[in-house]
């Protein structure tokens, strides 16, 4: 599981080459408060 803070931190490492195209929260654990994020990155041209 990647926490939001970790996701942001790791994105800082690649943001020069990639941009966020889409973020989709996914409820993989329905009876809990946990929500995962799927992030689509697109290579900058």
PDB file of N, CA and C in Angstrom:
ATOM      1  N   UNK A   1       0.846  -1.171   0.000  1.00  0.00           N
ATOM      2  CA  UNK A   1       0.000   0.000   0.000  1.00  0.00           C
ATOM      3  C   UNK A   1       0.891   1.233   0.000  1.00  0.00           C
ATOM      4  N   UNK A   2       0.576   2.180  -0.846  1.00  0.00           N
ATOM      5  CA  UNK A   2       1.298   3.448  -0.892  1.00  0.00           C
ATOM      6  C   UNK A   2       0.403   4.520  -0.300  1.00  0.00           C
ATOM      7  N   UNK A   3       0.884   5.161   0.738  1.00  0.00           N
ATOM      8  CA  UNK A   3       0.117   6.225   1.360  1.00  0.00           C
ATOM      9  C   UNK A   3       0.186   7.477   0.502  1.00  0.00           C
ATOM     10  N   UNK A   4      -0.785   8.358   0.666  1.00  0.00           N
ATOM     11  CA  UNK A   4      -0.851   9.571  -0.141  1.00  0.00           C
ATOM     12  C   UNK A   4       0.430  10.385  -0.030  1.00  0.00           C
ATOM     13  N   UNK A   5       0.953  10.515   1.183  1.00  0.00           N
ATOM     14  CA  UNK A   5       2.206  11.254   1.366  1.00  0.00           C
ATOM     15  C   UNK A   5       3.337  10.612   0.571  1.00  0.00           C
ATOM     16  N   UNK A   6       3.442   9.296   0.628  1.00  0.00           N
ATOM     17  CA  UNK A   6       4.486   8.578  -0.099  1.00  0.00           C
ATOM     18  C   UNK A   6       4.289   8.719  -1.596  1.00  0.00           C
ATOM     19  N   UNK A   7       3.052   8.652  -2.042  1.00  0.00           N
ATOM     20  CA  UNK A   7       2.753   8.828  -3.462  1.00  0.00           C
ATOM     21  C   UNK A   7       3.221  10.200  -3.936  1.00  0.00           C
ATOM     22  N   UNK A   8       2.934  11.225  -3.179  1.00  0.00           N
ATOM     23  CA  UNK A   8       3.363  12.585  -3.535  1.00  0.00           C
ATOM     24  C   UNK A   8       4.881  12.698  -3.548  1.00  0.00           C
ATOM     25  N   UNK A   9       5.515  12.106  -2.552  1.00  0.00           N
ATOM     26  CA  UNK A   9       6.973  12.155  -2.455  1.00  0.00           C
ATOM     27  C   UNK A   9       7.617  11.451  -3.655  1.00  0.00           C
ATOM     28  N   UNK A  10       7.098  10.279  -4.003  1.00  0.00           N
ATOM     29  CA  UNK A  10       7.667   9.537  -5.129  1.00  0.00           C
ATOM     30  C   UNK A  10       7.389  10.236  -6.458  1.00  0.00           C
ATOM     31  N   UNK A  11       6.247  10.896  -6.556  1.00  0.00           N
ATOM     32  CA  UNK A  11       5.954  11.637  -7.782  1.00  0.00           C
ATOM     33  C   UNK A  11       6.953  12.775  -7.977  1.00  0.00           C
ATOM     34  N   UNK A  12       7.417  13.368  -6.901  1.00  0.00           N
ATOM     35  CA  UNK A  12       8.405  14.445  -7.000  1.00  0.00           C
ATOM     36  C   UNK A  12       9.685  13.956  -7.680  1.00  0.00           C
ATOM     37  N   UNK A  13       9.974  12.675  -7.564  1.00  0.00           N
ATOM     38  CA  UNK A  13      11.173  12.107  -8.172  1.00  0.00           C
ATOM     39  C   UNK A  13      11.057  11.978  -9.689  1.00  0.00           C
ATOM     40  N   UNK A  14       9.843  11.868 -10.214  1.00  0.00           N
ATOM     41  CA  UNK A  14       9.664  11.630 -11.654  1.00  0.00           C
ATOM     42  C   UNK A  14       8.909  12.748 -12.366  1.00  0.00           C
ATOM     43  N   UNK A  15       8.522  13.800 -11.647  1.00  0.00           N
ATOM     44  CA  UNK A  15       7.663  14.819 -12.236  1.00  0.00           C
ATOM     45  C   UNK A  15       8.315  15.604 -13.372  1.00  0.00           C
ATOM     46  N   UNK A  16       9.629  15.587 -13.477  1.00  0.00           N
ATOM     47  CA  UNK A  16      10.292  16.271 -14.583  1.00  0.00           C
ATOM     48  C   UNK A  16       9.992  15.575 -15.912  1.00  0.00           C
ATOM     49  N   UNK A  17       9.759  14.265 -15.869  1.00  0.00           N
ATOM     50  CA  UNK A  17       9.528  13.495 -17.094  1.00  0.00           C
ATOM     51  C   UNK A  17       8.084  13.060 -17.289  1.00  0.00           C
ATOM     52  N   UNK A  18       7.300  13.028 -16.199  1.00  0.00           N
ATOM     53  CA  UNK A  18       5.928  12.534 -16.269  1.00  0.00           C
ATOM     54  C   UNK A  18       4.947  13.538 -15.700  1.00  0.00           C
ATOM     55  N   UNK A  19       3.727  13.515 -16.229  1.00  0.00           N
ATOM     56  CA  UNK A  19       2.659  14.324 -15.656  1.00  0.00           C
ATOM     57  C   UNK A  19       1.500  13.406 -15.275  1.00  0.00           C
ATOM     58  N   UNK A  20       0.772  13.810 -14.251  1.00  0.00           N
ATOM     59  CA  UNK A  20      -0.384  13.037 -13.808  1.00  0.00           C
ATOM     60  C   UNK A  20      -1.527  13.283 -14.782  1.00  0.00           C
ATOM     61  N   UNK A  21      -2.044  12.217 -15.349  1.00  0.00           N
ATOM     62  CA  UNK A  21      -3.157  12.314 -16.281  1.00  0.00           C
ATOM     63  C   UNK A  21      -4.482  12.055 -15.579  1.00  0.00           C
ATOM     64  N   UNK A  22      -4.459  11.114 -14.638  1.00  0.00           N
ATOM     65  CA  UNK A  22      -5.702  10.751 -13.957  1.00  0.00           C
ATOM     66  C   UNK A  22      -5.400  10.099 -12.613  1.00  0.00           C
ATOM     67  N   UNK A  23      -6.257  10.352 -11.657  1.00  0.00           N
ATOM     68  CA  UNK A  23      -6.182   9.703 -10.348  1.00  0.00           C
ATOM     69  C   UNK A  23      -7.547   9.091 -10.072  1.00  0.00           C
ATOM     70  N   UNK A  24      -7.551   7.807  -9.726  1.00  0.00           N
ATOM     71  CA  UNK A  24      -8.800   7.098  -9.460  1.00  0.00           C
ATOM     72  C   UNK A  24      -8.716   6.407  -8.103  1.00  0.00           C
ATOM     73  N   UNK A  25      -9.530   6.828  -7.142  1.00  0.00           N
ATOM     74  CA  UNK A  25      -9.568   6.089  -5.880  1.00  0.00           C
ATOM     75  C   UNK A  25     -10.298   4.760  -6.072  1.00  0.00           C
ATOM     76  N   UNK A  26      -9.795   3.717  -5.435  1.00  0.00           N
ATOM     77  CA  UNK A  26     -10.375   2.383  -5.556  1.00  0.00           C
ATOM     78  C   UNK A  26     -10.589   1.824  -4.151  1.00  0.00           C
ATOM     79  N   UNK A  27     -11.817   1.427  -3.871  1.00  0.00           N
ATOM     80  CA  UNK A  27     -12.155   0.862  -2.568  1.00  0.00           C
ATOM     81  C   UNK A  27     -11.960  -0.649  -2.621  1.00  0.00           C
ATOM     82  N   UNK A  28     -10.752  -1.101  -2.313  1.00  0.00           N
ATOM     83  CA  UNK A  28     -10.439  -2.528  -2.373  1.00  0.00           C
ATOM     84  C   UNK A  28     -10.801  -3.259  -1.084  1.00  0.00           C
ATOM     85  N   UNK A  29     -11.086  -2.511  -0.039  1.00  0.00           N
ATOM     86  CA  UNK A  29     -11.418  -3.085   1.263  1.00  0.00           C
ATOM     87  C   UNK A  29     -12.733  -2.468   1.722  1.00  0.00           C
ATOM     88  N   UNK A  30     -13.860  -2.958   1.216  1.00  0.00           N
ATOM     89  CA  UNK A  30     -15.165  -2.313   1.378  1.00  0.00           C
ATOM     90  C   UNK A  30     -15.620  -2.025   2.804  1.00  0.00           C
ATOM     91  N   UNK A  31     -15.267  -2.840   3.753  1.00  0.00           N
ATOM     92  CA  UNK A  31     -15.764  -2.640   5.111  1.00  0.00           C
ATOM     93  C   UNK A  31     -14.784  -1.869   5.999  1.00  0.00           C
ATOM     94  N   UNK A  32     -13.831  -1.174   5.382  1.00  0.00           N
ATOM     95  CA  UNK A  32     -12.849  -0.388   6.133  1.00  0.00           C
ATOM     96  C   UNK A  32     -12.786   1.026   5.565  1.00  0.00           C
ATOM     97  N   UNK A  33     -11.975   1.856   6.182  1.00  0.00           N
ATOM     98  CA  UNK A  33     -11.808   3.232   5.708  1.00  0.00           C
ATOM     99  C   UNK A  33     -10.653   3.363   4.712  1.00  0.00           C
ATOM    100  N   UNK A  34     -10.020   2.265   4.342  1.00  0.00           N
ATOM    101  CA  UNK A  34      -8.878   2.297   3.434  1.00  0.00           C
ATOM    102  C   UNK A  34      -9.331   2.451   1.982  1.00  0.00           C
ATOM    103  N   UNK A  35      -8.671   3.338   1.282  1.00  0.00           N
ATOM    104  CA  UNK A  35      -8.926   3.548  -0.142  1.00  0.00           C
ATOM    105  C   UNK A  35      -7.570   3.636  -0.835  1.00  0.00           C
ATOM    106  N   UNK A  36      -7.412   2.882  -1.898  1.00  0.00           N
ATOM    107  CA  UNK A  36      -6.176   2.920  -2.679  1.00  0.00           C
ATOM    108  C   UNK A  36      -6.335   3.932  -3.807  1.00  0.00           C
ATOM    109  N   UNK A  37      -5.218   4.471  -4.284  1.00  0.00           N
ATOM    110  CA  UNK A  37      -5.233   5.399  -5.410  1.00  0.00           C
ATOM    111  C   UNK A  37      -4.482   4.792  -6.579  1.00  0.00           C
ATOM    112  N   UNK A  38      -5.095   4.816  -7.745  1.00  0.00           N
ATOM    113  CA  UNK A  38      -4.435   4.400  -8.973  1.00  0.00           C
ATOM    114  C   UNK A  38      -4.150   5.682  -9.746  1.00  0.00           C
ATOM    115  N   UNK A  39      -2.886   5.863 -10.118  1.00  0.00           N
ATOM    116  CA  UNK A  39      -2.476   7.097 -10.780  1.00  0.00           C
ATOM    117  C   UNK A  39      -1.944   6.760 -12.164  1.00  0.00           C
ATOM    118  N   UNK A  40      -2.481   7.432 -13.164  1.00  0.00           N
ATOM    119  CA  UNK A  40      -2.007   7.268 -14.530  1.00  0.00           C
ATOM    120  C   UNK A  40      -1.029   8.395 -14.829  1.00  0.00           C
ATOM    121  N   UNK A  41       0.207   8.024 -15.164  1.00  0.00           N
ATOM    122  CA  UNK A  41       1.235   9.001 -15.500  1.00  0.00           C
ATOM    123  C   UNK A  41       1.481   8.967 -17.000  1.00  0.00           C
ATOM    124  N   UNK A  42       1.671  10.129 -17.572  1.00  0.00           N
ATOM    125  CA  UNK A  42       1.926  10.235 -19.004  1.00  0.00           C
ATOM    126  C   UNK A  42       3.294  10.873 -19.208  1.00  0.00           C
ATOM    127  N   UNK A  43       4.071  10.299 -20.100  1.00  0.00           N
ATOM    128  CA  UNK A  43       5.393  10.825 -20.407  1.00  0.00           C
ATOM    129  C   UNK A  43       5.260  12.190 -21.067  1.00  0.00           C
ATOM    130  N   UNK A  44       5.986  13.177 -20.556  1.00  0.00           N
ATOM    131  CA  UNK A  44       5.957  14.513 -21.156  1.00  0.00           C
ATOM    132  C   UNK A  44       6.743  14.484 -22.459  1.00  0.00           C
ATOM    133  N   UNK A  45       6.267  15.221 -23.422  1.00  0.00           N
ATOM    134  CA  UNK A  45       6.939  15.255 -24.721  1.00  0.00           C
ATOM    135  C   UNK A  45       7.715  16.538 -24.859  1.00  0.00           C
TER     136      UNK A  45
END
